[in-house]
Amino acid sequence: MKKSRKKFLQQSAAGVLGLLAAPQLFAQVAGESQPVVMHAEEGETYWIGRRNSPLTIKVAKDRQGNETMSFCTELIAPGEGIPLHKHLNEDELIFIHRGEGKLELDGKQIPVKEGSVALVPKGVWHSMTNTAKENLVMVFSYSPAGFEGYFREFGSPVGTPWKPKSQEEYNRLNKKWGIVYK
């Protein structure tokens, strides 16, 4: 009798846990992403800021339906950089594909070079500066996906001139996309 009661309790507990987990499992299946392959010449490229850095969106939430991550590249010219900021909603993974620079991360100045990787959790202040004489190529990803939409609104498509924004437009974009600049 003890074995059957123990087995009954184990099976009941497993069943209850299964019911609790089921909505999560079904949600993941319903929003499942498809595999994506992007080649070097593919993607959406935008001029970013007055420095006219080309930024290419390779994997995007609204293009490939990937909810979990996006993937972008940016070329940063010598002496140029990305101002100090933090993301309120996304973690960012940064990989230095080519070049070298200085990453400010949570108040610390960290030299980076080809092959360096940094994980920047949401809410952490960070910036990137190219300290070399050649271009720095930064590859980066956001999780969850979606922030790449900021670059579409902030930037200007390559082939068109950079269109500066008013302070009100910057404020609206920053609030909409959950980015804060110092």
N, C-alpha and C. Protein backbone atom coordinates (compact mmCIF):
# COMPACT_ATOMS: atom_id res chain seq x y z
N MET A 1 0.81 -1.20 0.00
CA MET A 1 0.00 0.00 0.00
C MET A 1 0.86 1.27 0.00
N LYS A 2 1.99 1.25 0.75
CA LYS A 2 2.86 2.43 0.81
C LYS A 2 3.44 2.75 -0.55
N LYS A 3 3.84 1.71 -1.31
CA LYS A 3 4.45 1.95 -2.63
C LYS A 3 3.43 2.56 -3.58
N SER A 4 2.21 2.10 -3.58
CA SER A 4 1.22 2.64 -4.50
C SER A 4 0.85 4.07 -4.14
N ARG A 5 0.80 4.40 -2.85
CA ARG A 5 0.49 5.77 -2.43
C ARG A 5 1.64 6.70 -2.86
N LYS A 6 2.87 6.25 -2.63
CA LYS A 6 4.04 7.04 -3.01
C LYS A 6 4.05 7.27 -4.53
N LYS A 7 3.75 6.23 -5.28
CA LYS A 7 3.71 6.34 -6.73
C LYS A 7 2.61 7.31 -7.16
N PHE A 8 1.45 7.20 -6.53
CA PHE A 8 0.32 8.10 -6.83
C PHE A 8 0.72 9.56 -6.58
N LEU A 9 1.36 9.84 -5.45
CA LEU A 9 1.78 11.20 -5.12
C LEU A 9 2.81 11.72 -6.12
N GLN A 10 3.76 10.87 -6.52
CA GLN A 10 4.77 11.27 -7.50
C GLN A 10 4.13 11.61 -8.84
N GLN A 11 3.21 10.74 -9.27
CA GLN A 11 2.55 10.96 -10.55
C GLN A 11 1.66 12.21 -10.50
N SER A 12 1.00 12.43 -9.39
CA SER A 12 0.14 13.61 -9.24
C SER A 12 0.98 14.88 -9.27
N ALA A 13 2.10 14.86 -8.55
CA ALA A 13 2.99 16.03 -8.54
C ALA A 13 3.52 16.30 -9.94
N ALA A 14 3.92 15.25 -10.65
CA ALA A 14 4.41 15.42 -12.02
C ALA A 14 3.32 15.99 -12.92
N GLY A 15 2.09 15.52 -12.73
CA GLY A 15 0.97 16.02 -13.52
C GLY A 15 0.69 17.49 -13.26
N VAL A 16 0.72 17.90 -12.00
CA VAL A 16 0.49 19.31 -11.65
C VAL A 16 1.60 20.18 -12.23
N LEU A 17 2.84 19.73 -12.08
CA LEU A 17 3.96 20.49 -12.64
C LEU A 17 3.84 20.60 -14.16
N GLY A 18 3.40 19.52 -14.78
CA GLY A 18 3.20 19.53 -16.23
C GLY A 18 2.15 20.55 -16.65
N LEU A 19 1.06 20.64 -15.89
CA LEU A 19 0.02 21.62 -16.20
C LEU A 19 0.53 23.05 -16.03
N LEU A 20 1.37 23.26 -15.01
CA LEU A 20 1.92 24.59 -14.80
C LEU A 20 2.89 24.97 -15.91
N ALA A 21 3.65 24.01 -16.41
CA ALA A 21 4.64 24.29 -17.46
C ALA A 21 4.03 24.33 -18.85
N ALA A 22 2.89 23.71 -19.05
CA ALA A 22 2.29 23.60 -20.38
C ALA A 22 2.10 24.94 -21.08
N PRO A 23 1.56 25.98 -20.41
CA PRO A 23 1.40 27.25 -21.14
C PRO A 23 2.72 27.77 -21.69
N GLN A 24 3.81 27.63 -20.93
CA GLN A 24 5.12 28.06 -21.41
C GLN A 24 5.55 27.26 -22.63
N LEU A 25 5.34 25.96 -22.59
CA LEU A 25 5.74 25.11 -23.71
C LEU A 25 4.95 25.48 -24.96
N PHE A 26 3.63 25.67 -24.82
CA PHE A 26 2.82 26.01 -25.98
C PHE A 26 3.19 27.40 -26.50
N ALA A 27 3.48 28.33 -25.62
CA ALA A 27 3.86 29.68 -26.05
C ALA A 27 5.14 29.63 -26.87
N GLN A 28 6.11 28.82 -26.47
CA GLN A 28 7.36 28.74 -27.21
C GLN A 28 7.14 28.12 -28.58
N VAL A 29 6.30 27.10 -28.66
CA VAL A 29 6.03 26.46 -29.95
C VAL A 29 5.30 27.43 -30.87
N ALA A 30 4.32 28.18 -30.33
CA ALA A 30 3.54 29.09 -31.16
C ALA A 30 4.40 30.21 -31.74
N GLY A 31 5.38 30.71 -30.98
CA GLY A 31 6.21 31.81 -31.44
C GLY A 31 7.58 31.37 -31.88
N GLU A 32 7.72 30.11 -32.26
CA GLU A 32 9.02 29.56 -32.60
C GLU A 32 9.64 30.27 -33.80
N SER A 33 10.92 30.58 -33.70
CA SER A 33 11.65 31.26 -34.77
C SER A 33 12.10 30.26 -35.83
N GLN A 34 12.35 30.79 -36.99
CA GLN A 34 12.88 30.00 -38.09
C GLN A 34 14.38 30.24 -38.19
N PRO A 35 15.13 29.28 -38.72
CA PRO A 35 16.56 29.50 -38.93
C PRO A 35 16.80 30.67 -39.88
N VAL A 36 17.90 31.38 -39.68
CA VAL A 36 18.23 32.54 -40.50
C VAL A 36 19.69 32.45 -40.92
N VAL A 37 19.96 32.69 -42.19
CA VAL A 37 21.33 32.81 -42.69
C VAL A 37 21.40 34.13 -43.44
N MET A 38 22.34 34.98 -43.04
CA MET A 38 22.56 36.25 -43.73
C MET A 38 24.01 36.28 -44.20
N HIS A 39 24.21 36.68 -45.44
CA HIS A 39 25.56 36.75 -46.00
C HIS A 39 26.13 38.15 -45.79
N ALA A 40 27.42 38.28 -46.04
CA ALA A 40 28.14 39.53 -45.76
C ALA A 40 27.46 40.75 -46.39
N GLU A 41 26.97 40.61 -47.59
CA GLU A 41 26.40 41.75 -48.31
C GLU A 41 24.92 41.97 -48.00
N GLU A 42 24.33 41.16 -47.14
CA GLU A 42 22.90 41.25 -46.86
C GLU A 42 22.63 42.00 -45.56
N GLY A 43 21.41 42.49 -45.45
CA GLY A 43 20.97 43.19 -44.26
C GLY A 43 20.51 44.60 -44.60
N GLU A 44 19.99 45.28 -43.59
CA GLU A 44 19.54 46.66 -43.75
C GLU A 44 20.61 47.57 -43.14
N THR A 45 21.14 48.50 -43.94
CA THR A 45 22.21 49.36 -43.45
C THR A 45 21.71 50.80 -43.30
N TYR A 46 22.08 51.41 -42.18
CA TYR A 46 21.67 52.77 -41.84
C TYR A 46 22.89 53.59 -41.43
N TRP A 47 22.87 54.89 -41.78
CA TRP A 47 23.87 55.81 -41.25
C TRP A 47 23.41 56.18 -39.85
N ILE A 48 24.33 56.09 -38.89
CA ILE A 48 23.99 56.36 -37.51
C ILE A 48 24.71 57.62 -37.04
N GLY A 49 23.96 58.61 -36.65
CA GLY A 49 24.50 59.83 -36.06
C GLY A 49 25.26 60.69 -37.03
N ARG A 50 25.74 61.78 -36.50
CA ARG A 50 26.51 62.73 -37.30
C ARG A 50 27.82 62.13 -37.78
N ARG A 51 28.27 61.10 -37.08
CA ARG A 51 29.54 60.46 -37.45
C ARG A 51 29.38 59.56 -38.67
N ASN A 52 28.13 59.34 -39.12
CA ASN A 52 27.84 58.52 -40.30
C ASN A 52 28.46 57.14 -40.22
N SER A 53 28.28 56.48 -39.10
CA SER A 53 28.74 55.09 -38.96
C SER A 53 27.73 54.17 -39.62
N PRO A 54 28.19 53.32 -40.54
CA PRO A 54 27.23 52.37 -41.12
C PRO A 54 26.93 51.25 -40.12
N LEU A 55 25.66 51.05 -39.85
CA LEU A 55 25.19 50.00 -38.96
C LEU A 55 24.28 49.10 -39.78
N THR A 56 24.54 47.79 -39.75
CA THR A 56 23.74 46.84 -40.53
C THR A 56 22.98 45.91 -39.60
N ILE A 57 21.68 45.87 -39.80
CA ILE A 57 20.82 44.93 -39.06
C ILE A 57 20.79 43.64 -39.85
N LYS A 58 21.27 42.57 -39.25
CA LYS A 58 21.32 41.26 -39.91
C LYS A 58 20.12 40.39 -39.54
N VAL A 59 19.84 40.28 -38.26
CA VAL A 59 18.71 39.48 -37.77
C VAL A 59 17.83 40.40 -36.94
N ALA A 60 16.55 40.45 -37.29
CA ALA A 60 15.63 41.37 -36.63
C ALA A 60 14.34 40.66 -36.24
N LYS A 61 13.80 41.09 -35.15
CA LYS A 61 12.55 40.52 -34.64
C LYS A 61 11.43 40.61 -35.67
N ASP A 62 11.25 41.78 -36.26
CA ASP A 62 10.12 41.97 -37.17
C ASP A 62 10.38 41.46 -38.59
N ARG A 63 11.60 41.08 -38.91
CA ARG A 63 11.90 40.55 -40.25
C ARG A 63 11.92 39.02 -40.26
N GLN A 64 12.55 38.42 -39.26
CA GLN A 64 12.66 36.97 -39.21
C GLN A 64 11.78 36.34 -38.13
N GLY A 65 11.09 37.16 -37.34
CA GLY A 65 10.20 36.63 -36.31
C GLY A 65 10.93 36.07 -35.10
N ASN A 66 12.18 36.42 -34.92
CA ASN A 66 12.94 35.90 -33.80
C ASN A 66 12.70 36.78 -32.58
N GLU A 67 12.07 36.24 -31.57
CA GLU A 67 11.76 36.98 -30.36
C GLU A 67 12.95 37.07 -29.41
N THR A 68 13.87 36.12 -29.49
CA THR A 68 14.89 36.01 -28.45
C THR A 68 16.13 36.86 -28.68
N MET A 69 16.52 37.10 -29.93
CA MET A 69 17.73 37.90 -30.14
C MET A 69 17.75 38.53 -31.52
N SER A 70 18.50 39.63 -31.59
CA SER A 70 18.76 40.30 -32.86
C SER A 70 20.28 40.29 -33.06
N PHE A 71 20.72 40.71 -34.25
CA PHE A 71 22.15 40.66 -34.56
C PHE A 71 22.47 41.81 -35.51
N CYS A 72 23.48 42.62 -35.16
CA CYS A 72 23.85 43.79 -35.96
C CYS A 72 25.36 43.91 -36.05
N THR A 73 25.83 44.72 -37.00
CA THR A 73 27.25 45.07 -37.10
C THR A 73 27.34 46.59 -37.24
N GLU A 74 28.44 47.15 -36.77
CA GLU A 74 28.66 48.58 -36.94
C GLU A 74 30.13 48.84 -37.16
N LEU A 75 30.42 49.73 -38.12
CA LEU A 75 31.78 50.16 -38.40
C LEU A 75 31.97 51.51 -37.70
N ILE A 76 33.00 51.59 -36.84
CA ILE A 76 33.27 52.83 -36.11
C ILE A 76 34.63 53.35 -36.56
N ALA A 77 34.64 54.56 -37.11
CA ALA A 77 35.87 55.17 -37.64
C ALA A 77 36.82 55.56 -36.51
N PRO A 78 38.11 55.70 -36.83
CA PRO A 78 39.09 56.12 -35.82
C PRO A 78 38.66 57.40 -35.11
N GLY A 79 38.77 57.40 -33.78
CA GLY A 79 38.41 58.57 -32.98
C GLY A 79 36.93 58.72 -32.71
N GLU A 80 36.11 57.93 -33.36
CA GLU A 80 34.66 58.01 -33.17
C GLU A 80 34.21 57.00 -32.13
N GLY A 81 32.94 57.08 -31.76
CA GLY A 81 32.45 56.13 -30.78
C GLY A 81 30.97 56.23 -30.52
N ILE A 82 30.53 55.37 -29.64
CA ILE A 82 29.13 55.30 -29.22
C ILE A 82 29.06 55.93 -27.83
N PRO A 83 28.20 56.94 -27.65
CA PRO A 83 28.16 57.63 -26.36
C PRO A 83 27.69 56.73 -25.21
N LEU A 84 28.01 57.16 -24.00
CA LEU A 84 27.65 56.43 -22.79
C LEU A 84 26.12 56.33 -22.68
N HIS A 85 25.65 55.09 -22.52
CA HIS A 85 24.21 54.84 -22.46
C HIS A 85 23.93 53.54 -21.74
N LYS A 86 22.65 53.27 -21.50
CA LYS A 86 22.22 51.98 -20.96
C LYS A 86 20.88 51.63 -21.59
N HIS A 87 20.64 50.32 -21.67
CA HIS A 87 19.38 49.80 -22.19
C HIS A 87 18.52 49.38 -21.00
N LEU A 88 17.27 49.74 -21.02
CA LEU A 88 16.37 49.40 -19.92
C LEU A 88 15.71 48.05 -20.09
N ASN A 89 15.71 47.51 -21.32
CA ASN A 89 14.95 46.29 -21.60
C ASN A 89 15.75 45.13 -22.17
N GLU A 90 16.98 45.36 -22.62
CA GLU A 90 17.74 44.31 -23.30
C GLU A 90 19.12 44.12 -22.70
N ASP A 91 19.59 42.88 -22.76
CA ASP A 91 20.99 42.58 -22.55
C ASP A 91 21.66 42.74 -23.91
N GLU A 92 22.94 43.13 -23.91
CA GLU A 92 23.68 43.29 -25.16
C GLU A 92 24.95 42.47 -25.10
N LEU A 93 25.22 41.75 -26.17
CA LEU A 93 26.45 40.99 -26.30
C LEU A 93 27.27 41.66 -27.40
N ILE A 94 28.51 42.05 -27.09
CA ILE A 94 29.37 42.78 -28.02
C ILE A 94 30.59 41.92 -28.35
N PHE A 95 30.91 41.84 -29.63
CA PHE A 95 32.10 41.12 -30.11
C PHE A 95 32.89 42.08 -31.01
N ILE A 96 34.17 42.22 -30.74
CA ILE A 96 35.02 43.06 -31.59
C ILE A 96 35.58 42.18 -32.71
N HIS A 97 35.06 42.39 -33.90
CA HIS A 97 35.45 41.59 -35.06
C HIS A 97 36.80 42.05 -35.62
N ARG A 98 36.99 43.38 -35.63
CA ARG A 98 38.23 43.92 -36.17
C ARG A 98 38.52 45.24 -35.48
N GLY A 99 39.80 45.51 -35.26
CA GLY A 99 40.21 46.78 -34.68
C GLY A 99 40.40 46.71 -33.17
N GLU A 100 40.53 47.90 -32.59
CA GLU A 100 40.69 47.98 -31.15
C GLU A 100 40.10 49.29 -30.65
N GLY A 101 39.78 49.28 -29.38
CA GLY A 101 39.17 50.47 -28.82
C GLY A 101 39.11 50.41 -27.32
N LYS A 102 38.24 51.25 -26.77
CA LYS A 102 38.07 51.32 -25.34
C LYS A 102 36.57 51.18 -25.05
N LEU A 103 36.25 50.21 -24.23
CA LEU A 103 34.88 49.99 -23.79
C LEU A 103 34.76 50.53 -22.37
N GLU A 104 33.84 51.44 -22.17
CA GLU A 104 33.52 51.84 -20.80
C GLU A 104 32.37 50.99 -20.37
N LEU A 105 32.56 50.30 -19.27
CA LEU A 105 31.56 49.36 -18.78
C LEU A 105 31.39 49.56 -17.28
N ASP A 106 30.23 50.11 -16.92
CA ASP A 106 29.91 50.32 -15.51
C ASP A 106 31.00 51.14 -14.81
N GLY A 107 31.50 52.19 -15.50
CA GLY A 107 32.48 53.09 -14.92
C GLY A 107 33.94 52.66 -15.09
N LYS A 108 34.19 51.50 -15.65
CA LYS A 108 35.56 51.01 -15.85
C LYS A 108 35.95 51.15 -17.31
N GLN A 109 37.18 51.59 -17.57
CA GLN A 109 37.70 51.71 -18.92
C GLN A 109 38.44 50.41 -19.25
N ILE A 110 37.98 49.69 -20.27
CA ILE A 110 38.54 48.39 -20.60
C ILE A 110 39.02 48.40 -22.05
N PRO A 111 40.31 48.17 -22.28
CA PRO A 111 40.79 48.06 -23.66
C PRO A 111 40.21 46.80 -24.31
N VAL A 112 39.77 46.94 -25.56
CA VAL A 112 39.26 45.79 -26.31
C VAL A 112 39.97 45.74 -27.65
N LYS A 113 40.05 44.53 -28.20
CA LYS A 113 40.70 44.34 -29.49
C LYS A 113 40.01 43.18 -30.20
N GLU A 114 40.45 42.91 -31.41
CA GLU A 114 39.88 41.82 -32.20
C GLU A 114 39.75 40.55 -31.35
N GLY A 115 38.54 40.02 -31.30
CA GLY A 115 38.27 38.81 -30.53
C GLY A 115 37.70 39.05 -29.15
N SER A 116 37.73 40.30 -28.67
CA SER A 116 37.17 40.61 -27.34
C SER A 116 35.65 40.47 -27.36
N VAL A 117 35.11 40.00 -26.25
CA VAL A 117 33.66 39.83 -26.10
C VAL A 117 33.24 40.46 -24.78
N ALA A 118 32.11 41.14 -24.77
CA ALA A 118 31.57 41.73 -23.54
C ALA A 118 30.07 41.45 -23.47
N LEU A 119 29.63 41.03 -22.32
CA LEU A 119 28.20 40.89 -22.04
C LEU A 119 27.80 42.09 -21.20
N VAL A 120 26.83 42.86 -21.69
CA VAL A 120 26.37 44.05 -21.00
C VAL A 120 24.91 43.82 -20.59
N PRO A 121 24.68 43.49 -19.32
CA PRO A 121 23.29 43.29 -18.88
C PRO A 121 22.48 44.59 -18.95
N LYS A 122 21.18 44.47 -19.10
CA LYS A 122 20.35 45.67 -19.14
C LYS A 122 20.59 46.49 -17.87
N GLY A 123 20.53 47.81 -18.03
CA GLY A 123 20.72 48.72 -16.91
C GLY A 123 22.16 49.08 -16.62
N VAL A 124 23.13 48.53 -17.37
CA VAL A 124 24.55 48.82 -17.14
C VAL A 124 25.01 49.89 -18.14
N TRP A 125 25.62 50.96 -17.62
CA TRP A 125 26.14 52.03 -18.47
C TRP A 125 27.32 51.50 -19.28
N HIS A 126 27.35 51.87 -20.58
CA HIS A 126 28.46 51.45 -21.43
C HIS A 126 28.61 52.39 -22.63
N SER A 127 29.84 52.41 -23.16
CA SER A 127 30.14 53.18 -24.37
C SER A 127 31.30 52.48 -25.08
N MET A 128 31.54 52.85 -26.32
CA MET A 128 32.63 52.27 -27.10
C MET A 128 33.31 53.39 -27.87
N THR A 129 34.64 53.41 -27.85
CA THR A 129 35.42 54.39 -28.60
C THR A 129 36.49 53.66 -29.39
N ASN A 130 36.65 54.02 -30.67
CA ASN A 130 37.72 53.48 -31.48
C ASN A 130 38.98 54.29 -31.17
N THR A 131 39.97 53.65 -30.58
CA THR A 131 41.22 54.32 -30.20
C THR A 131 42.35 54.05 -31.19
N ALA A 132 42.07 53.30 -32.24
CA ALA A 132 43.11 52.92 -33.21
C ALA A 132 43.10 53.85 -34.42
N LYS A 133 43.98 53.55 -35.37
CA LYS A 133 44.07 54.33 -36.60
C LYS A 133 43.27 53.69 -37.73
N GLU A 134 42.72 52.51 -37.48
CA GLU A 134 41.89 51.83 -38.47
C GLU A 134 40.47 51.67 -37.93
N ASN A 135 39.55 51.32 -38.83
CA ASN A 135 38.16 51.14 -38.43
C ASN A 135 38.01 50.00 -37.42
N LEU A 136 37.08 50.17 -36.52
CA LEU A 136 36.71 49.13 -35.58
C LEU A 136 35.38 48.54 -36.08
N VAL A 137 35.31 47.24 -36.19
CA VAL A 137 34.06 46.58 -36.59
C VAL A 137 33.53 45.85 -35.37
N MET A 138 32.37 46.30 -34.92
CA MET A 138 31.72 45.75 -33.74
C MET A 138 30.51 44.94 -34.19
N VAL A 139 30.40 43.73 -33.65
CA VAL A 139 29.26 42.86 -33.91
C VAL A 139 28.52 42.76 -32.59
N PHE A 140 27.20 42.93 -32.61
CA PHE A 140 26.48 42.94 -31.35
C PHE A 140 25.08 42.36 -31.51
N SER A 141 24.56 41.91 -30.39
CA SER A 141 23.27 41.24 -30.36
C SER A 141 22.49 41.73 -29.16
N TYR A 142 21.17 41.82 -29.30
CA TYR A 142 20.30 42.18 -28.19
C TYR A 142 19.38 41.02 -27.86
N SER A 143 19.13 40.85 -26.58
CA SER A 143 18.19 39.85 -26.12
C SER A 143 17.35 40.46 -25.01
N PRO A 144 16.03 40.48 -25.17
CA PRO A 144 15.28 39.96 -26.29
C PRO A 144 15.44 40.85 -27.53
N ALA A 145 15.01 40.33 -28.65
CA ALA A 145 15.08 41.07 -29.91
C ALA A 145 14.10 42.23 -29.89
N GLY A 146 14.34 43.19 -30.78
CA GLY A 146 13.41 44.30 -30.94
C GLY A 146 14.09 45.66 -30.97
N PHE A 147 15.17 45.82 -30.18
CA PHE A 147 15.81 47.13 -30.09
C PHE A 147 16.37 47.59 -31.44
N GLU A 148 16.61 46.66 -32.34
CA GLU A 148 17.14 47.04 -33.65
C GLU A 148 16.22 48.03 -34.37
N GLY A 149 14.93 48.05 -34.00
CA GLY A 149 14.00 49.03 -34.56
C GLY A 149 14.40 50.47 -34.26
N TYR A 150 15.11 50.67 -33.16
CA TYR A 150 15.60 52.00 -32.79
C TYR A 150 16.49 52.55 -33.91
N PHE A 151 17.35 51.71 -34.47
CA PHE A 151 18.29 52.16 -35.49
C PHE A 151 17.57 52.57 -36.77
N ARG A 152 16.47 51.92 -37.07
CA ARG A 152 15.68 52.30 -38.25
C ARG A 152 15.11 53.70 -38.07
N GLU A 153 14.64 54.00 -36.86
CA GLU A 153 14.04 55.30 -36.61
C GLU A 153 15.09 56.38 -36.38
N PHE A 154 16.20 56.03 -35.75
CA PHE A 154 17.25 56.98 -35.42
C PHE A 154 18.11 57.29 -36.63
N GLY A 155 18.43 56.25 -37.41
CA GLY A 155 19.35 56.40 -38.53
C GLY A 155 18.67 56.82 -39.82
N SER A 156 19.48 56.93 -40.84
CA SER A 156 19.01 57.21 -42.19
C SER A 156 19.50 56.07 -43.08
N PRO A 157 18.62 55.52 -43.93
CA PRO A 157 19.06 54.42 -44.80
C PRO A 157 20.27 54.84 -45.64
N VAL A 158 21.23 53.92 -45.81
CA VAL A 158 22.39 54.21 -46.65
C VAL A 158 21.87 54.58 -48.03
N GLY A 159 22.49 55.58 -48.63
CA GLY A 159 22.04 56.08 -49.93
C GLY A 159 21.22 57.35 -49.78
N THR A 160 20.86 57.68 -48.54
CA THR A 160 20.15 58.93 -48.26
C THR A 160 21.00 59.74 -47.27
N PRO A 161 20.88 61.04 -47.28
CA PRO A 161 21.68 61.83 -46.34
C PRO A 161 21.19 61.67 -44.90
N TRP A 162 22.11 61.83 -43.95
CA TRP A 162 21.76 61.79 -42.53
C TRP A 162 20.79 62.94 -42.25
N LYS A 163 19.71 62.59 -41.56
CA LYS A 163 18.71 63.59 -41.19
C LYS A 163 18.75 63.79 -39.69
N PRO A 164 19.31 64.91 -39.25
CA PRO A 164 19.35 65.17 -37.80
C PRO A 164 17.94 65.23 -37.22
N LYS A 165 17.83 64.90 -35.96
CA LYS A 165 16.55 64.91 -35.25
C LYS A 165 16.56 66.09 -34.28
N SER A 166 15.37 66.56 -33.96
CA SER A 166 15.25 67.59 -32.93
C SER A 166 15.41 66.91 -31.56
N GLN A 167 15.64 67.70 -30.54
CA GLN A 167 15.77 67.14 -29.19
C GLN A 167 14.49 66.42 -28.78
N GLU A 168 13.35 66.96 -29.19
CA GLU A 168 12.06 66.30 -28.89
C GLU A 168 11.97 64.94 -29.56
N GLU A 169 12.45 64.84 -30.81
CA GLU A 169 12.44 63.55 -31.51
C GLU A 169 13.37 62.55 -30.83
N TYR A 170 14.57 63.01 -30.41
CA TYR A 170 15.49 62.13 -29.67
C TYR A 170 14.85 61.64 -28.39
N ASN A 171 14.25 62.54 -27.66
CA ASN A 171 13.61 62.16 -26.38
C ASN A 171 12.51 61.13 -26.60
N ARG A 172 11.70 61.33 -27.64
CA ARG A 172 10.62 60.39 -27.94
C ARG A 172 11.17 59.01 -28.31
N LEU A 173 12.20 58.98 -29.18
CA LEU A 173 12.81 57.71 -29.58
C LEU A 173 13.44 57.00 -28.38
N ASN A 174 14.18 57.74 -27.58
CA ASN A 174 14.84 57.14 -26.42
C ASN A 174 13.83 56.54 -25.45
N LYS A 175 12.75 57.24 -25.21
CA LYS A 175 11.71 56.72 -24.31
C LYS A 175 11.03 55.50 -24.92
N LYS A 176 10.69 55.57 -26.19
CA LYS A 176 10.01 54.46 -26.88
C LYS A 176 10.84 53.18 -26.83
N TRP A 177 12.15 53.30 -27.05
CA TRP A 177 13.02 52.14 -27.17
C TRP A 177 13.76 51.79 -25.88
N GLY A 178 13.55 52.55 -24.81
CA GLY A 178 14.15 52.20 -23.52
C GLY A 178 15.65 52.36 -23.48
N ILE A 179 16.15 53.47 -24.01
CA ILE A 179 17.58 53.76 -23.97
C ILE A 179 17.76 55.09 -23.26
N VAL A 180 18.78 55.16 -22.41
CA VAL A 180 19.06 56.37 -21.65
C VAL A 180 20.51 56.76 -21.89
N TYR A 181 20.73 58.01 -22.28
CA TYR A 181 22.10 58.52 -22.49
C TYR A 181 22.49 59.40 -21.31
N LYS A 182 23.77 59.39 -20.98
CA LYS A 182 24.30 60.29 -19.94
C LYS A 182 24.77 61.56 -20.57
